[in-house]
Amino acid sequence: MINLSISLMKKNKKLILSAFLLLSIAFSIGFTKTETTFDDPILSYTVDPRVQDLRFYWKDEKGKNFGSIQNLKTYIEGKNQTLIFAMNGGMYMQDLRPLGLFIQDGKTLKAINRASGAGNFYLRPNGVFYFATDQTAFIRKTTDFADNGKIKYATQSGPMLVIDGQINPSFKKGSVNLNIRNGVGILPGNKVVFAISKTGVNFYDFARYFQQLGCKNAL
């Protein structure tokens, strides 16, 4: 199953969605790639949160999980808006509850998870992607994250790909641990880039992609 956790909106009946879903698998409905060519191994979409209205989605007003991009697309179109871009993000348990921190419209729906465990979420350091009420975007290590009461949206995931401009030292160049991966990075000028690989890629090469774009931090 798939569960939504992030989306990006633009007013005037046009919606640019940067929706985050449960699984790190390919998305389909309404995807728009930017600054890429057909042969690029990684697709990306860049967002300016001070111009576009970035939002996170998990459930509808009745408390029902969206469960798929198609369901979210139908929901958005019901509000006379249009889905342009959607992507997955965050990590969820089998009952579709976030495994880590989830803040929506300033409300903490799931507390931050500082526990240890197995799986990608717990690879150190993991981190939090969030933006404040002034639309400034951040990615920070879980250990450095603090809620100052001015956070509009947040989601926790792991592992961090790029940390202060450096590739996560836990990653190995040439690793054969290949999977389709997606992530998010902060570009200069408070822009946010979302990316997904078309084929299997290791963590090192995926992190290097964000580093070469100029991201100081990526998750």
C-alpha atoms as a PDB file:
ATOM      1  CA  MET A   1       0.000   0.000   0.000  1.00  0.00           C
ATOM      2  CA  ILE A   2       1.030   3.592  -0.481  1.00  0.00           C
ATOM      3  CA  ASN A   3       0.406   6.492   1.864  1.00  0.00           C
ATOM      4  CA  LEU A   4       0.866  10.169   1.110  1.00  0.00           C
ATOM      5  CA  SER A   5       2.789  12.500   3.316  1.00  0.00           C
ATOM      6  CA  ILE A   6       3.880  15.628   1.404  1.00  0.00           C
ATOM      7  CA  SER A   7       2.482  17.803  -1.345  1.00  0.00           C
ATOM      8  CA  LEU A   8       3.155  21.129  -2.952  1.00  0.00           C
ATOM      9  CA  MET A   9       0.377  23.521  -3.880  1.00  0.00           C
ATOM     10  CA  LYS A  10       0.088  26.648  -5.913  1.00  0.00           C
ATOM     11  CA  LYS A  11      -2.873  28.978  -5.698  1.00  0.00           C
ATOM     12  CA  ASN A  12      -5.123  30.176  -8.537  1.00  0.00           C
ATOM     13  CA  LYS A  13      -6.662  26.716  -9.021  1.00  0.00           C
ATOM     14  CA  LYS A  14      -3.295  25.335 -10.147  1.00  0.00           C
ATOM     15  CA  LEU A  15      -1.640  22.779  -7.927  1.00  0.00           C
ATOM     16  CA  ILE A  16       1.985  21.803  -8.151  1.00  0.00           C
ATOM     17  CA  LEU A  17       2.283  18.736  -5.997  1.00  0.00           C
ATOM     18  CA  SER A  18       5.447  17.502  -4.525  1.00  0.00           C
ATOM     19  CA  ALA A  19       3.616  14.786  -2.679  1.00  0.00           C
ATOM     20  CA  PHE A  20       5.496  12.301  -0.570  1.00  0.00           C
ATOM     21  CA  LEU A  21       4.248   8.730  -0.479  1.00  0.00           C
ATOM     22  CA  LEU A  22       5.005   5.697   1.588  1.00  0.00           C
ATOM     23  CA  LEU A  23       7.204   3.624  -0.688  1.00  0.00           C
ATOM     24  CA  SER A  24      10.407   4.419  -2.518  1.00  0.00           C
ATOM     25  CA  ILE A  25       8.990   3.242  -5.848  1.00  0.00           C
ATOM     26  CA  ALA A  26       8.145   4.892  -9.129  1.00  0.00           C
ATOM     27  CA  PHE A  27       5.363   7.430  -9.247  1.00  0.00           C
ATOM     28  CA  SER A  28       3.121   7.969 -12.233  1.00  0.00           C
ATOM     29  CA  ILE A  29       0.217  10.405 -12.143  1.00  0.00           C
ATOM     30  CA  GLY A  30       1.042  13.934 -13.195  1.00  0.00           C
ATOM     31  CA  PHE A  31       4.830  13.734 -12.903  1.00  0.00           C
ATOM     32  CA  THR A  32       6.737  16.582 -14.513  1.00  0.00           C
ATOM     33  CA  LYS A  33      10.507  16.355 -14.779  1.00  0.00           C
ATOM     34  CA  THR A  34      12.690  19.437 -14.928  1.00  0.00           C
ATOM     35  CA  GLU A  35      16.272  20.041 -15.996  1.00  0.00           C
ATOM     36  CA  THR A  36      16.605  16.440 -17.179  1.00  0.00           C
ATOM     37  CA  THR A  37      16.655  14.644 -20.507  1.00  0.00           C
ATOM     38  CA  PHE A  38      15.121  11.360 -21.560  1.00  0.00           C
ATOM     39  CA  ASP A  39      18.397   9.522 -21.001  1.00  0.00           C
ATOM     40  CA  ASP A  40      19.065  10.907 -17.503  1.00  0.00           C
ATOM     41  CA  PRO A  41      19.192   8.141 -14.874  1.00  0.00           C
ATOM     42  CA  ILE A  42      17.620  10.427 -12.275  1.00  0.00           C
ATOM     43  CA  LEU A  43      14.491  12.563 -12.644  1.00  0.00           C
ATOM     44  CA  SER A  44      14.147  15.727 -10.608  1.00  0.00           C
ATOM     45  CA  TYR A  45      11.729  18.527  -9.883  1.00  0.00           C
ATOM     46  CA  THR A  46      12.738  21.828  -8.290  1.00  0.00           C
ATOM     47  CA  VAL A  47      10.405  23.806  -6.053  1.00  0.00           C
ATOM     48  CA  ASP A  48      10.589  27.343  -4.703  1.00  0.00           C
ATOM     49  CA  PRO A  49       8.511  27.151  -1.480  1.00  0.00           C
ATOM     50  CA  ARG A  50       8.299  30.945  -1.305  1.00  0.00           C
ATOM     51  CA  VAL A  51       6.455  30.973  -4.624  1.00  0.00           C
ATOM     52  CA  GLN A  52       4.738  27.605  -4.627  1.00  0.00           C
ATOM     53  CA  ASP A  53       2.622  26.398  -1.723  1.00  0.00           C
ATOM     54  CA  LEU A  54       4.308  23.205  -0.533  1.00  0.00           C
ATOM     55  CA  ARG A  55       2.123  20.928   1.591  1.00  0.00           C
ATOM     56  CA  PHE A  56       2.343  17.516   3.187  1.00  0.00           C
ATOM     57  CA  TYR A  57      -0.498  15.002   2.927  1.00  0.00           C
ATOM     58  CA  TRP A  58      -1.286  11.910   4.937  1.00  0.00           C
ATOM     59  CA  LYS A  59      -5.069  11.734   5.490  1.00  0.00           C
ATOM     60  CA  ASP A  60      -8.151  13.511   4.260  1.00  0.00           C
ATOM     61  CA  GLU A  61     -10.557  15.491   6.462  1.00  0.00           C
ATOM     62  CA  LYS A  62     -12.320  12.280   7.495  1.00  0.00           C
ATOM     63  CA  GLY A  63      -9.086  10.722   8.696  1.00  0.00           C
ATOM     64  CA  LYS A  64      -8.769   8.311   5.767  1.00  0.00           C
ATOM     65  CA  ASN A  65      -5.310   7.622   4.337  1.00  0.00           C
ATOM     66  CA  PHE A  66      -4.979   8.729   0.735  1.00  0.00           C
ATOM     67  CA  GLY A  67      -3.129   5.519  -0.055  1.00  0.00           C
ATOM     68  CA  SER A  68      -2.119   6.406  -3.633  1.00  0.00           C
ATOM     69  CA  ILE A  69      -1.320   9.310  -5.904  1.00  0.00           C
ATOM     70  CA  GLN A  70      -4.498   8.604  -7.851  1.00  0.00           C
ATOM     71  CA  ASN A  71      -6.578   9.072  -4.703  1.00  0.00           C
ATOM     72  CA  LEU A  72      -4.798  12.316  -3.930  1.00  0.00           C
ATOM     73  CA  LYS A  73      -5.233  13.457  -7.527  1.00  0.00           C
ATOM     74  CA  THR A  74      -8.969  12.808  -7.301  1.00  0.00           C
ATOM     75  CA  TYR A  75      -9.124  14.634  -3.974  1.00  0.00           C
ATOM     76  CA  ILE A  76      -7.248  17.668  -5.335  1.00  0.00           C
ATOM     77  CA  GLU A  77      -9.342  17.808  -8.491  1.00  0.00           C
ATOM     78  CA  GLY A  78     -12.419  17.797  -6.271  1.00  0.00           C
ATOM     79  CA  LYS A  79     -11.130  21.102  -4.927  1.00  0.00           C
ATOM     80  CA  ASN A  80     -10.836  22.474  -8.482  1.00  0.00           C
ATOM     81  CA  GLN A  81      -7.065  22.176  -8.558  1.00  0.00           C
ATOM     82  CA  THR A  82      -4.651  20.201 -10.736  1.00  0.00           C
ATOM     83  CA  LEU A  83      -1.978  17.661  -9.813  1.00  0.00           C
ATOM     84  CA  ILE A  84       1.269  18.430 -11.644  1.00  0.00           C
ATOM     85  CA  PHE A  85       3.937  16.569  -9.706  1.00  0.00           C
ATOM     86  CA  ALA A  86       3.903  13.823  -7.099  1.00  0.00           C
ATOM     87  CA  MET A  87       6.602  11.876  -5.320  1.00  0.00           C
ATOM     88  CA  ASN A  88       6.961   9.620  -2.311  1.00  0.00           C
ATOM     89  CA  GLY A  89       8.662  10.379   0.957  1.00  0.00           C
ATOM     90  CA  GLY A  90       8.778   9.737   4.666  1.00  0.00           C
ATOM     91  CA  MET A  91       8.484   6.216   6.013  1.00  0.00           C
ATOM     92  CA  TYR A  92       5.413   4.453   7.350  1.00  0.00           C
ATOM     93  CA  MET A  93       4.507   1.409   9.392  1.00  0.00           C
ATOM     94  CA  GLN A  94       2.241  -1.365   8.172  1.00  0.00           C
ATOM     95  CA  ASP A  95      -0.795   0.383   9.654  1.00  0.00           C
ATOM     96  CA  LEU A  96       0.148   3.487   7.600  1.00  0.00           C
ATOM     97  CA  ARG A  97       1.186   5.586  10.585  1.00  0.00           C
ATOM     98  CA  PRO A  98       4.397   7.619  10.110  1.00  0.00           C
ATOM     99  CA  LEU A  99       7.440   5.897  11.554  1.00  0.00           C
ATOM    100  CA  GLY A 100       8.902   9.253  12.510  1.00  0.00           C
ATOM    101  CA  LEU A 101       8.025  12.904  12.971  1.00  0.00           C
ATOM    102  CA  PHE A 102       5.095  14.251  10.987  1.00  0.00           C
ATOM    103  CA  ILE A 103       3.901  17.859  11.271  1.00  0.00           C
ATOM    104  CA  GLN A 104       1.018  19.102   9.143  1.00  0.00           C
ATOM    105  CA  ASP A 105      -0.283  22.678   9.181  1.00  0.00           C
ATOM    106  CA  GLY A 106       1.689  23.338  12.347  1.00  0.00           C
ATOM    107  CA  LYS A 107       0.222  20.345  14.199  1.00  0.00           C
ATOM    108  CA  THR A 108       2.445  17.484  15.335  1.00  0.00           C
ATOM    109  CA  LEU A 109       0.581  14.340  14.330  1.00  0.00           C
ATOM    110  CA  LYS A 110       3.491  12.012  15.177  1.00  0.00           C
ATOM    111  CA  ALA A 111       6.346  12.772  17.559  1.00  0.00           C
ATOM    112  CA  ILE A 112       9.967  12.571  16.464  1.00  0.00           C
ATOM    113  CA  ASN A 113      11.542   9.112  16.582  1.00  0.00           C
ATOM    114  CA  ARG A 114      14.996   9.064  18.169  1.00  0.00           C
ATOM    115  CA  ALA A 115      15.146   5.289  18.662  1.00  0.00           C
ATOM    116  CA  SER A 116      17.647   2.858  17.127  1.00  0.00           C
ATOM    117  CA  GLY A 117      16.648   0.018  14.855  1.00  0.00           C
ATOM    118  CA  ALA A 118      17.169  -1.805  11.566  1.00  0.00           C
ATOM    119  CA  GLY A 119      16.395  -0.530   8.073  1.00  0.00           C
ATOM    120  CA  ASN A 120      17.056   2.647   6.102  1.00  0.00           C
ATOM    121  CA  PHE A 121      15.114   4.867   8.476  1.00  0.00           C
ATOM    122  CA  TYR A 122      17.562   4.095  11.265  1.00  0.00           C
ATOM    123  CA  LEU A 123      20.769   4.453   9.255  1.00  0.00           C
ATOM    124  CA  ARG A 124      22.757   7.158  11.019  1.00  0.00           C
ATOM    125  CA  PRO A 125      22.374   9.947  10.779  1.00  0.00           C
ATOM    126  CA  ASN A 126      18.741  10.111   9.763  1.00  0.00           C
ATOM    127  CA  GLY A 127      17.041  13.462   9.453  1.00  0.00           C
ATOM    128  CA  VAL A 128      14.056  15.734   9.147  1.00  0.00           C
ATOM    129  CA  PHE A 129      12.889  17.686   6.107  1.00  0.00           C
ATOM    130  CA  TYR A 130      10.761  20.632   7.143  1.00  0.00           C
ATOM    131  CA  PHE A 131       9.901  24.203   6.403  1.00  0.00           C
ATOM    132  CA  ALA A 132       8.846  27.052   8.618  1.00  0.00           C
ATOM    133  CA  THR A 133       5.907  29.423   8.549  1.00  0.00           C
ATOM    134  CA  ASP A 134       8.059  31.864   6.547  1.00  0.00           C
ATOM    135  CA  GLN A 135       8.469  29.113   3.894  1.00  0.00           C
ATOM    136  CA  THR A 136      12.186  28.641   4.593  1.00  0.00           C
ATOM    137  CA  ALA A 137      13.129  25.008   3.927  1.00  0.00           C
ATOM    138  CA  PHE A 138      15.512  22.909   6.039  1.00  0.00           C
ATOM    139  CA  ILE A 139      16.992  19.441   6.234  1.00  0.00           C
ATOM    140  CA  ARG A 140      18.643  18.652   9.540  1.00  0.00           C
ATOM    141  CA  LYS A 141      19.988  15.624  11.330  1.00  0.00           C
ATOM    142  CA  THR A 142      17.484  14.211  13.811  1.00  0.00           C
ATOM    143  CA  THR A 143      19.970  14.926  16.591  1.00  0.00           C
ATOM    144  CA  ASP A 144      20.061  18.616  15.592  1.00  0.00           C
ATOM    145  CA  PHE A 145      16.331  19.077  15.099  1.00  0.00           C
ATOM    146  CA  ALA A 146      14.352  21.245  17.497  1.00  0.00           C
ATOM    147  CA  ASP A 147      10.749  22.401  17.139  1.00  0.00           C
ATOM    148  CA  ASN A 148      10.685  26.146  17.751  1.00  0.00           C
ATOM    149  CA  GLY A 149       6.918  26.352  17.319  1.00  0.00           C
ATOM    150  CA  LYS A 150       7.234  27.923  13.871  1.00  0.00           C
ATOM    151  CA  ILE A 151       7.350  24.735  11.800  1.00  0.00           C
ATOM    152  CA  LYS A 152       4.577  24.406   9.253  1.00  0.00           C
ATOM    153  CA  TYR A 153       5.331  20.957   7.812  1.00  0.00           C
ATOM    154  CA  ALA A 154       7.875  18.267   8.685  1.00  0.00           C
ATOM    155  CA  THR A 155       8.643  14.649   7.899  1.00  0.00           C
ATOM    156  CA  GLN A 156      11.390  12.405   9.250  1.00  0.00           C
ATOM    157  CA  SER A 157      13.261   9.839   7.184  1.00  0.00           C
ATOM    158  CA  GLY A 158      16.648   8.287   6.712  1.00  0.00           C
ATOM    159  CA  PRO A 159      19.422   8.135   5.992  1.00  0.00           C
ATOM    160  CA  MET A 160      20.819  11.613   5.417  1.00  0.00           C
ATOM    161  CA  LEU A 161      22.485  11.624   2.005  1.00  0.00           C
ATOM    162  CA  VAL A 162      24.480  14.842   2.203  1.00  0.00           C
ATOM    163  CA  ILE A 163      25.511  16.459   5.494  1.00  0.00           C
ATOM    164  CA  ASP A 164      26.942  19.989   5.469  1.00  0.00           C
ATOM    165  CA  GLY A 165      28.072  19.483   1.884  1.00  0.00           C
ATOM    166  CA  GLN A 166      29.681  16.081   2.478  1.00  0.00           C
ATOM    167  CA  ILE A 167      28.400  12.651   1.460  1.00  0.00           C
ATOM    168  CA  ASN A 168      27.280  10.532   4.410  1.00  0.00           C
ATOM    169  CA  PRO A 169      30.515   8.762   5.515  1.00  0.00           C
ATOM    170  CA  SER A 170      28.583   5.510   6.017  1.00  0.00           C
ATOM    171  CA  PHE A 171      28.137   5.131   2.254  1.00  0.00           C
ATOM    172  CA  LYS A 172      30.596   3.073   0.198  1.00  0.00           C
ATOM    173  CA  LYS A 173      31.655   4.062  -3.291  1.00  0.00           C
ATOM    174  CA  GLY A 174      30.969   1.179  -5.650  1.00  0.00           C
ATOM    175  CA  SER A 175      28.452  -0.493  -3.336  1.00  0.00           C
ATOM    176  CA  VAL A 176      26.325  -3.179  -5.004  1.00  0.00           C
ATOM    177  CA  ASN A 177      23.345  -2.273  -2.806  1.00  0.00           C
ATOM    178  CA  LEU A 178      21.286  -0.983  -5.723  1.00  0.00           C
ATOM    179  CA  ASN A 179      17.673   0.146  -5.408  1.00  0.00           C
ATOM    180  CA  ILE A 180      15.357   2.709  -6.924  1.00  0.00           C
ATOM    181  CA  ARG A 181      15.730   5.587  -4.502  1.00  0.00           C
ATOM    182  CA  ASN A 182      14.177   8.978  -4.025  1.00  0.00           C
ATOM    183  CA  GLY A 183      15.172  11.933  -1.922  1.00  0.00           C
ATOM    184  CA  VAL A 184      15.049  15.642  -1.274  1.00  0.00           C
ATOM    185  CA  GLY A 185      17.759  18.276  -1.068  1.00  0.00           C
ATOM    186  CA  ILE A 186      18.039  21.970  -0.277  1.00  0.00           C
ATOM    187  CA  LEU A 187      19.519  24.079  -3.072  1.00  0.00           C
ATOM    188  CA  PRO A 188      21.010  27.558  -2.737  1.00  0.00           C
ATOM    189  CA  GLY A 189      18.360  30.258  -2.614  1.00  0.00           C
ATOM    190  CA  ASN A 190      15.953  28.208  -0.473  1.00  0.00           C
ATOM    191  CA  LYS A 191      14.908  26.020  -3.375  1.00  0.00           C
ATOM    192  CA  VAL A 192      14.085  22.360  -2.855  1.00  0.00           C
ATOM    193  CA  VAL A 193      14.903  19.591  -5.314  1.00  0.00           C
ATOM    194  CA  PHE A 194      13.060  16.259  -5.292  1.00  0.00           C
ATOM    195  CA  ALA A 195      14.639  13.379  -7.201  1.00  0.00           C
ATOM    196  CA  ILE A 196      14.056   9.718  -7.988  1.00  0.00           C
ATOM    197  CA  SER A 197      16.303   7.263  -9.804  1.00  0.00           C
ATOM    198  CA  LYS A 198      14.960   5.479 -12.877  1.00  0.00           C
ATOM    199  CA  THR A 199      16.935   2.347 -12.055  1.00  0.00           C
ATOM    200  CA  GLY A 200      18.784   0.898  -9.091  1.00  0.00           C
ATOM    201  CA  VAL A 201      21.441   3.170  -7.596  1.00  0.00           C
ATOM    202  CA  ASN A 202      23.576   2.890  -4.476  1.00  0.00           C
ATOM    203  CA  PHE A 203      23.440   5.437  -1.673  1.00  0.00           C
ATOM    204  CA  TYR A 204      26.859   6.900  -2.514  1.00  0.00           C
ATOM    205  CA  ASP A 205      26.028   7.711  -6.124  1.00  0.00           C
ATOM    206  CA  PHE A 206      22.581   9.018  -5.220  1.00  0.00           C
ATOM    207  CA  ALA A 207      24.086  11.275  -2.560  1.00  0.00           C
ATOM    208  CA  ARG A 208      26.705  12.485  -5.030  1.00  0.00           C
ATOM    209  CA  TYR A 209      23.900  13.538  -7.389  1.00  0.00           C
ATOM    210  CA  PHE A 210      22.550  15.940  -4.770  1.00  0.00           C
ATOM    211  CA  GLN A 211      26.049  17.089  -3.823  1.00  0.00           C
ATOM    212  CA  GLN A 212      26.851  17.945  -7.429  1.00  0.00           C
ATOM    213  CA  LEU A 213      23.639  19.963  -7.684  1.00  0.00           C
ATOM    214  CA  GLY A 214      24.961  22.127  -4.856  1.00  0.00           C
ATOM    215  CA  CYS A 215      22.847  20.752  -1.997  1.00  0.00           C
ATOM    216  CA  LYS A 216      24.439  21.266   1.403  1.00  0.00           C
ATOM    217  CA  ASN A 217      21.994  18.814   2.940  1.00  0.00           C
ATOM    218  CA  ALA A 218      19.906  16.046   1.385  1.00  0.00           C
ATOM    219  CA  LEU A 219      17.713  13.269   2.792  1.00  0.00           C
END
